[in-house]
Every structure is written in structure tokens, then in C-alpha cells.
Protein backbone atom coordinates (compact mmCIF):
# COMPACT_ATOMS: atom_id res chain seq x y z
CA MET A 1 157.79 134.32 36.43
CA ASN A 2 158.72 136.33 33.97
CA TRP A 3 159.36 140.45 34.89
CA TYR A 4 156.13 141.24 33.74
CA GLY A 5 154.16 138.65 35.57
CA ALA A 6 155.57 139.85 38.75
CA LEU A 7 154.30 143.36 37.70
CA ALA A 8 150.93 141.65 36.87
CA TRP A 9 150.91 140.04 40.32
CA ALA A 10 151.48 143.27 41.99
CA ASN A 11 149.27 145.21 40.12
CA TYR A 12 146.66 142.12 40.83
CA LEU A 13 147.50 142.72 44.76
CA ARG A 14 146.49 146.44 44.62
CA THR A 15 143.50 146.14 42.43
CA THR A 16 142.40 143.62 44.91
CA HIS A 17 143.09 145.83 47.57
CA TYR A 18 145.31 142.86 49.16
CA LYS A 19 145.20 143.78 53.28
CA GLY A 20 143.00 146.70 52.54
CA TYR A 21 146.07 148.84 50.96
CA SER A 22 146.60 149.73 46.53
CA ASP A 23 150.05 150.49 46.76
CA TRP A 24 151.69 147.31 46.44
CA ARG A 25 154.49 147.59 44.13
CA LEU A 26 157.76 145.65 43.58
CA PRO A 27 160.59 147.08 45.14
CA ASP A 28 162.93 150.29 44.11
CA VAL A 29 165.82 148.01 43.52
CA GLY A 30 168.04 151.25 42.47
CA THR A 31 170.36 150.97 39.03
CA SER A 32 173.36 150.25 40.74
CA SER A 33 173.34 146.66 38.39
CA LEU A 34 171.58 148.34 35.47
CA GLN A 35 173.68 151.59 34.51
CA ALA A 36 176.66 151.91 32.33
CA GLY A 37 179.88 151.38 34.68
CA GLY A 38 178.07 149.47 37.75
CA CYS A 39 178.44 146.41 39.52
CA THR A 40 177.45 143.25 38.10
CA VAL A 41 176.54 141.68 41.53
CA CYS A 42 176.09 144.92 44.16
CA VAL A 43 175.86 145.12 47.89
CA PRO A 44 176.08 148.67 49.11
CA SER A 45 178.90 150.85 48.73
CA ALA A 46 180.00 154.57 48.82
CA ASP A 47 178.95 154.84 44.99
CA PHE A 48 175.57 152.92 45.93
CA PRO A 49 174.41 153.45 49.46
CA VAL A 50 172.13 151.61 51.12
CA THR A 51 169.22 154.44 50.72
CA SER A 52 169.81 154.24 47.03
CA SER A 53 167.34 150.62 47.22
CA ALA A 54 164.31 150.18 48.75
CA TRP A 55 165.56 146.58 48.73
CA TRP A 56 168.80 147.18 50.74
CA ARG A 57 166.84 149.72 53.15
CA LEU A 58 164.34 146.33 54.15
CA PHE A 59 167.32 143.87 53.88
CA PHE A 60 170.05 145.88 55.75
CA GLU A 61 167.72 148.23 58.15
CA GLU A 62 164.74 146.72 58.53
CA LEU A 63 165.76 143.45 59.12
CA GLY A 64 169.43 143.98 60.08
CA GLY A 65 170.63 140.99 57.38
CA THR A 66 174.25 140.78 56.48
CA ALA A 67 175.74 141.36 53.04
CA ASN A 68 176.03 137.85 51.10
CA VAL A 69 174.32 136.03 53.65
CA PRO A 70 171.09 134.74 52.94
CA ILE A 71 168.43 136.60 55.92
CA ALA A 72 167.72 133.84 57.60
CA SER A 73 171.11 133.12 58.86
CA SER A 74 171.80 137.03 59.68
CA ASN A 75 168.89 139.24 61.21
CA ASN A 76 167.76 141.30 64.06
CA GLY A 77 164.85 138.92 64.96
CA ASN A 78 162.83 141.03 62.38
CA ALA A 79 163.10 138.07 59.54
CA ALA A 80 160.18 136.07 61.33
CA LEU A 81 157.84 138.49 59.67
CA PHE A 82 158.78 137.17 56.08
CA PRO A 83 158.14 132.80 56.67
CA ASN A 84 157.55 132.10 53.28
CA ILE A 85 161.06 133.55 51.48
CA ALA A 86 161.53 130.65 48.43
CA GLY A 87 164.01 130.99 46.09
CA ASN A 88 167.43 133.44 45.95
CA ALA A 89 166.38 135.72 43.57
CA PHE A 90 163.14 138.27 43.18
CA TRP A 91 162.30 141.14 40.60
CA GLY A 92 162.54 144.54 41.30
CA LYS A 93 160.61 147.73 39.62
CA ALA A 94 163.22 149.17 37.61
CA ARG A 95 164.72 148.08 34.38
CA SER A 96 166.89 149.43 31.29
CA GLY A 97 166.31 148.43 27.95
CA THR A 98 165.46 144.63 27.81
CA LYS A 99 167.11 143.64 30.87
CA ALA A 100 165.23 144.28 34.60
CA ALA A 101 166.47 144.82 38.57
CA LEU A 102 166.82 141.81 40.41
CA PHE A 103 167.36 141.27 43.80
CA ARG A 104 168.47 137.94 46.43
CA ASP A 105 168.44 136.92 49.90
CA GLY A 106 171.79 138.23 50.53
CA GLY A 107 171.21 141.60 49.92
CA GLU A 108 173.07 141.59 46.52
CA GLN A 109 171.48 143.32 43.42
CA THR A 110 171.99 142.32 39.90
CA SER A 111 170.23 141.75 36.88
CA ASP A 112 168.68 139.79 33.82
CA LEU A 113 166.45 139.63 30.71
CA THR A 114 163.41 140.92 31.19
CA SER A 115 161.42 137.72 29.83
CA VAL A 116 163.34 135.34 31.65
CA VAL A 117 161.03 132.81 33.48
CA GLY A 118 162.67 131.52 37.34
CA TYR A 119 162.54 134.52 39.49
CA ARG A 120 160.02 135.17 41.82
CA ALA A 121 158.22 138.36 43.50
CA TRP A 122 158.40 140.07 46.61
CA VAL A 123 156.03 143.40 46.74
CA VAL A 124 156.30 146.02 49.20
CA ARG A 125 154.70 149.13 50.12
CA VAL A 126 155.55 152.31 51.94
CA GLY A 127 155.41 151.70 55.96
CA GLN A 128 157.88 149.59 58.37
CA SER A 129 157.65 145.73 58.41
CA VAL A 130 154.61 145.20 60.90
CA ALA A 131 153.67 141.19 61.32
CA ASN A 132 150.03 142.20 60.67
CA PRO A 133 149.39 145.50 58.93
CA PRO A 134 146.97 147.79 60.63
CA ALA A 135 143.06 147.32 59.70
CA ALA A 136 142.14 150.56 57.13
CA PRO A 137 139.28 150.82 55.19
CA TYR A 138 139.24 151.36 51.45
CA ILE A 139 136.45 152.88 49.23
CA THR A 140 135.47 151.16 45.33
CA PHE A 141 132.85 153.03 42.70
CA LEU A 142 130.35 150.71 41.11
CA PRO A 143 130.22 151.39 38.17
CA GLU A 144 133.64 152.80 38.24
CA ASP A 145 134.38 156.17 36.16
CA PRO A 146 130.84 156.18 35.02
CA ILE A 147 130.06 157.80 31.73
CA PHE A 148 126.34 159.83 31.56
CA THR A 149 124.28 159.49 27.94
CA LEU A 150 123.40 162.36 26.16
CA THR A 151 121.76 164.88 28.35
CA PRO A 152 120.53 167.96 26.63
CA TYR A 153 121.76 171.80 27.58
CA MET A 154 120.93 172.72 31.09
CA THR A 155 118.28 169.56 31.69
CA THR A 156 119.30 166.94 34.31
CA GLN A 157 120.50 162.80 34.54
CA THR A 158 120.90 161.27 37.96
CA GLY A 159 122.76 158.23 37.70
CA SER A 160 123.28 155.80 40.78
CA ILE A 161 127.06 154.96 41.98
CA THR A 162 127.60 152.23 44.92
CA LEU A 163 130.16 152.96 47.03
CA ARG A 164 132.24 149.82 48.60
CA ASN A 165 134.20 149.46 51.68
CA VAL A 166 136.77 146.31 50.41
CA GLY A 167 138.96 147.38 53.50
CA ASN A 168 139.42 145.76 56.65
CA ALA A 169 138.56 148.79 58.98
CA PRO A 170 135.34 151.07 59.33
CA ALA A 171 135.83 154.34 56.80
CA THR A 172 135.22 157.70 58.45
CA ILE A 173 133.29 159.60 55.89
CA ALA A 174 134.16 163.20 55.74
CA SER A 175 132.60 164.46 53.05
CA ILE A 176 131.27 163.23 49.93
CA ALA A 177 131.20 166.33 46.69
CA ALA A 178 131.18 166.02 43.02
CA SER A 179 132.59 168.96 40.99
CA GLY A 180 131.90 170.39 37.24
CA ASP A 181 128.76 169.61 35.93
CA PHE A 182 127.60 167.15 38.46
CA THR A 183 126.07 166.96 42.08
CA VAL A 184 125.58 164.70 44.70
CA THR A 185 123.04 163.28 47.29
CA HIS A 186 124.02 160.14 49.07
CA ASN A 187 123.04 157.94 52.10
CA CYS A 188 126.30 156.91 53.36
CA GLY A 189 126.01 158.77 56.85
CA THR A 190 129.39 159.73 58.62
CA SER A 191 130.56 155.90 58.97
CA LEU A 192 130.86 152.55 56.12
CA ALA A 193 131.65 149.62 57.93
CA ALA A 194 133.94 147.10 56.22
CA GLY A 195 132.13 144.84 53.51
CA ALA A 196 129.39 147.37 53.77
CA THR A 197 127.81 149.77 51.27
CA CYS A 198 125.83 153.02 50.37
CA ALA A 199 124.38 154.87 47.46
CA ALA A 200 125.84 158.15 45.97
CA ALA A 201 123.06 159.81 43.38
CA VAL A 202 125.12 161.62 40.99
CA THR A 203 122.67 164.35 38.89
CA PHE A 204 124.93 165.24 35.72
CA LYS A 205 123.42 168.93 34.82
CA PRO A 206 125.37 170.06 31.50
CA SER A 207 126.35 173.70 31.18
CA ASP A 208 128.03 173.45 27.55
CA LEU A 209 127.92 170.94 25.10
CA PHE A 210 129.68 167.77 24.06
CA VAL A 211 131.83 166.01 26.74
CA ARG A 212 132.12 167.12 30.46
CA THR A 213 133.68 165.78 32.65
CA GLY A 214 134.04 166.22 36.48
CA THR A 215 135.21 163.81 39.69
CA LEU A 216 133.24 162.19 42.49
CA THR A 217 135.42 162.69 45.73
CA VAL A 218 135.24 160.88 48.93
CA ASN A 219 136.80 161.97 51.94
CA ALA A 220 137.06 159.23 54.36
CA ASP A 221 140.47 158.40 56.36
CA SER A 222 142.04 158.64 53.03
CA VAL A 223 140.82 160.17 49.69
CA TYR A 224 139.11 157.55 47.05
CA THR A 225 137.86 159.40 43.59
CA THR A 226 136.05 158.52 40.58
CA SER A 227 135.64 160.50 37.06
CA LEU A 228 132.74 161.55 36.25
CA THR A 229 131.84 161.89 31.86
CA GLY A 230 128.53 163.30 30.38
CA VAL A 231 127.94 164.56 27.01
CA GLY A 232 126.00 167.66 26.88
CA GLY A 233 123.42 167.88 23.74
CA ILE A 234 121.15 170.99 21.99
CA ALA A 235 118.06 171.88 24.05
CA ALA A 236 114.48 173.34 22.98
CA SER A 237 111.60 174.42 24.80
CA ILE A 238 108.26 176.02 24.42
CA SER A 239 105.61 177.60 26.16
CA SER A 240 102.24 178.86 25.87
CA SER A 241 100.90 181.89 28.27
CA ALA A 242 97.59 180.30 28.51
CA PHE A 243 95.93 176.87 27.68
CA SER A 244 92.78 178.08 25.96
CA VAL A 245 91.87 181.89 24.66
CA LYS A 246 88.84 183.01 22.64
CA GLU A 247 88.90 183.46 18.86
CA GLY A 248 90.56 186.78 18.13
CA LYS A 249 92.40 187.04 21.63
CA SER A 250 96.78 186.12 21.55
CA VAL A 251 98.78 184.08 23.60
CA THR A 252 101.99 184.78 24.07
CA LEU A 253 104.97 181.54 23.08
CA THR A 254 108.12 181.69 24.66
CA TRP A 255 110.98 179.51 23.81
CA THR A 256 114.32 179.01 24.29
CA SER A 257 117.56 176.82 23.01
CA SER A 258 120.70 176.25 23.95
CA PRO A 259 123.64 177.71 22.47
CA HIS A 260 124.84 176.44 18.99
CA SER A 261 121.10 175.72 18.15
CA VAL A 262 119.74 176.48 14.84
CA CYS A 263 115.59 176.50 14.96
CA VAL A 264 112.75 176.92 12.78
CA GLY A 265 108.50 176.76 14.22
CA THR A 266 106.28 174.49 12.36
CA GLY A 267 102.52 173.86 12.50
CA GLY A 268 100.53 176.73 14.84
CA THR A 269 99.12 179.26 13.28
CA PRO A 270 99.55 181.59 10.44
CA GLY A 271 103.08 183.84 11.55
CA TRP A 272 104.47 181.29 13.75
CA ALA A 273 106.10 179.06 10.84
CA GLY A 274 109.72 180.08 9.81
CA PRO A 275 113.11 180.71 11.07
CA LEU A 276 113.59 181.39 14.70
CA MET A 277 115.91 183.43 17.35
CA GLN A 278 117.41 180.98 19.90
CA SER A 279 115.15 182.59 22.23
CA GLY A 280 112.58 185.13 22.29
CA THR A 281 108.40 185.40 22.69
CA LEU A 282 105.84 185.94 19.68
CA ASP A 283 101.92 186.94 20.23
CA VAL A 284 99.37 184.33 17.90
CA SER A 285 96.39 184.50 17.39
CA SER A 286 93.82 182.87 14.96
CA LYS A 287 90.17 183.97 13.98
CA ASP A 288 88.84 180.66 13.95
CA ALA A 289 88.07 178.28 16.78
CA GLY A 290 90.45 175.19 16.57
CA THR A 291 93.46 173.24 18.20
CA PHE A 292 96.48 174.41 17.33
CA VAL A 293 100.09 173.11 17.93
CA TYR A 294 103.04 175.15 17.91
CA THR A 295 106.04 173.38 17.50
CA ILE A 296 110.13 174.38 17.36
CA SER A 297 112.80 172.29 16.09
CA CYS A 298 116.30 172.70 16.47
CA THR A 299 119.32 171.82 14.76
CA HIS A 300 122.94 171.65 15.94
CA ASP A 301 124.80 174.20 13.65
CA GLU A 302 127.65 172.02 12.53
CA ASN A 303 125.17 168.88 12.85
CA THR A 304 127.17 166.88 15.20
CA LEU A 305 124.53 166.36 18.07
CA PRO A 306 121.24 165.09 17.59
CA ALA A 307 118.36 167.37 16.89
CA VAL A 308 115.25 168.18 19.14
CA GLN A 309 112.25 169.32 18.81
CA SER A 310 109.11 170.26 21.75
CA THR A 311 105.67 171.53 21.30
CA VAL A 312 103.00 173.58 22.77
CA THR A 313 99.07 173.08 22.23
CA VAL A 314 96.73 176.05 21.89
CA TYR A 315 92.75 175.51 21.77
CA PHE A 316 91.10 179.21 20.30
CA THR A 317 87.49 178.40 21.50
CA ASN A 318 84.32 180.21 19.95
CA VAL A 319 82.04 181.60 22.72
CA ALA A 320 78.36 182.23 21.71
CA SER A 321 75.93 183.72 24.45
CA GLY A 322 78.72 182.45 27.05
CA LYS A 323 78.69 179.11 25.64
CA LEU A 324 81.41 176.85 24.18
CA ASP A 325 80.25 175.28 20.57
CA ALA A 326 79.73 171.56 21.56
CA TRP A 327 82.93 169.82 19.68
CA MET A 328 84.98 172.46 21.05
CA LEU A 329 83.88 171.16 25.03
CA LEU A 330 84.34 167.55 23.67
CA ALA A 331 87.52 168.45 22.47
CA LEU A 332 88.71 170.36 26.36
CA THR A 333 86.80 167.74 28.36
CA PHE A 334 88.92 165.11 26.41
CA ALA A 335 92.03 166.78 26.69
CA LEU A 336 91.50 167.88 30.22
CA GLY A 337 90.59 163.88 31.02
CA LEU A 338 94.08 163.12 29.14
CA VAL A 339 96.37 165.14 31.58
CA LEU A 340 94.15 164.32 34.89
CA ARG A 341 94.83 160.53 34.09
CA SER A 342 98.33 161.10 33.17
CA ARG A 343 98.64 162.92 36.76
CA MET A 344 96.68 160.54 38.16
CA ARG A 345 98.88 157.44 36.83
CA PRO A 346 100.91 155.44 39.41
CA TYR A 347 104.68 156.25 39.54
CA SER A 348 106.84 153.16 38.14
CA ALA A 349 110.34 151.94 38.51
CA GLU A 350 110.68 150.71 35.92
């Protein structure tokens, strides 16, 4: 493969968490064969010590190799850990311009064009060479880096994230937490077996408008994170101090809206319609019996977020000799029936 193919293979091992690890990479070969004034074919020297190259540390220190001699012919016995060595040149991590570092099964380092196809990859990770890497957990997230859709200011939206242990050992869960405008609950317990999943319910409650960010962090032997993103939109709500009142009496309307909202009132009784403050109260009444719908409609002051509205219905009744007008009684009965049926409707998880 060429140098870019070697990088892609190392990245594949990282993203699939080969053997439970996510830090696989090409060796840091150093710059001895890449820098001006360096050597063409290099072995450790006074100018370039063994510690300047991850490959040299593996070849000379951990495997006991000899310069310019294949590792199978001269080693300290640990070479048996690498039974699949093929060929004699492998790509390293470093490059300069169009050339990338190479290392050979003799301890030498050199370089070649990154586009050359004909060399192999020998990936490494931090740690001493061992025949079987120790078992380790690894947590992944589905979806990864979730994005919550537009959510009105200080209201909530909840989404589910699946945590999976793709490693080869149980994960001991110390904590699961969310930051920013996000909170989390979960059913993961204190341990997640290899191959098992659990669910985290993340709730987004924007404390401001536009893009809001946070992080979901799982502390389980190691720390695993995924980013959280949501969009805060403008919001509006309105309520009344009473559901119904006698004609001529008043009720108090209370409304609120988010920052950067421009609001107007529509419908209702005289005195309600027109521009409104972002929040406030107002006493309204009607001298005639009837049903009145009070609406607050708000837009963003820069018109970059969707408009919203909220309504409340008030019934002004005509009471004669302690009895309601027949038509008003019918209207109230119908409205209350709708409320009761709505409250008794079975929950649906659609």
C-alpha cells in the first residue's frame, strides 16, 4: 500500500477498536531520514538516539535486535510475538513534503514518496509488547455526536443514546454525566458487560437561543465522551387566572416569552389585541357572555428563528337566577367533555 493507505488501515483499527483499543497508529519513526542533513539509511547514532524513534525502541530495546540484521536472526526471544512479519519495509508516521519515513526489518530508517505502492504497515500503540493484549472495555455511542432539533427556550426535548461496550472486558461505570444545557438519566447500572448495551436518556433544555453545546461523559475505567448539540428557539406561553367567569367580571392573563422576542396579542376581548411586552399580566373582561380566545404571537427580533404562538380560552357566562344560559351550558359541557376525553386517552409511544 502507499503511505495514505497505511494511515487508513491504522485509522480502521482505531475506529473498530481492535482488541479493545483505540490508539493504534503508525510508529513515530523520527526525522533522521527526513530532515536536511540527515542520513539516507539510518540506524541509531550519537546524533539520533534510540529514544528518538518508536520503531528503534521496539526493534532494539523491546525485541533485542541488531542493526542491519533481520529481527528473526537476532533477538531476545520477544520476536516470537510478531509471527506475521512480511517484507522488509514499513511506513512510519512522519513525513516531510511528499516523502514519508520508512523503517526496515533490520532497524534501519529511510524514506520514500508517499504515493509509492509497495510497502506495508506495522501498527503500534502505547505499551510494552505482549503476546495477548490485556482485556479492556471500550464504550461507543449510538448515535454518535447527536443533534437535537429546534427546541423552544426553557422547554425540554429528550432523546435516547445507546451505550455499547465493544471491548473484551466488562466496563465498571463510575459515572455518566452531561454538561451545558443537557442532563442525563440512564439504566446502565455500575457495570456493562462486553458486548452489552444500555440506554441513556439525554434531555435538552436550552437556556438561550441558537446553537447550544455540551458533552456526554462516561467514566468507566477510561473516560469516553460524545458531543451534544441542540438549537434553542423562541418561546411563548399564556395562561388565565380562571377557566370561566361571569360577564362583567375580570380574569387575569399572564404571559411570558423568550429573550429577543417581539410579541403581539390577537383575538380576545377589547383591550387585548396589540403589541405586548415580552412578559406581563393584564386584567380582561367582557360585558357580554361568550367564548374568547386570547393569542400571543411572537417573532424573533432578527427574524432568524421560527415564529411561535400560544392561546388560552376564557368563557364569560351569563348567570340568571343562579342558572347558566342554555347555550352557554351546552358550550361548557362540550368543552369539558373534550378535556376529559383528552386526559383519558391511552398513552401512545408512536
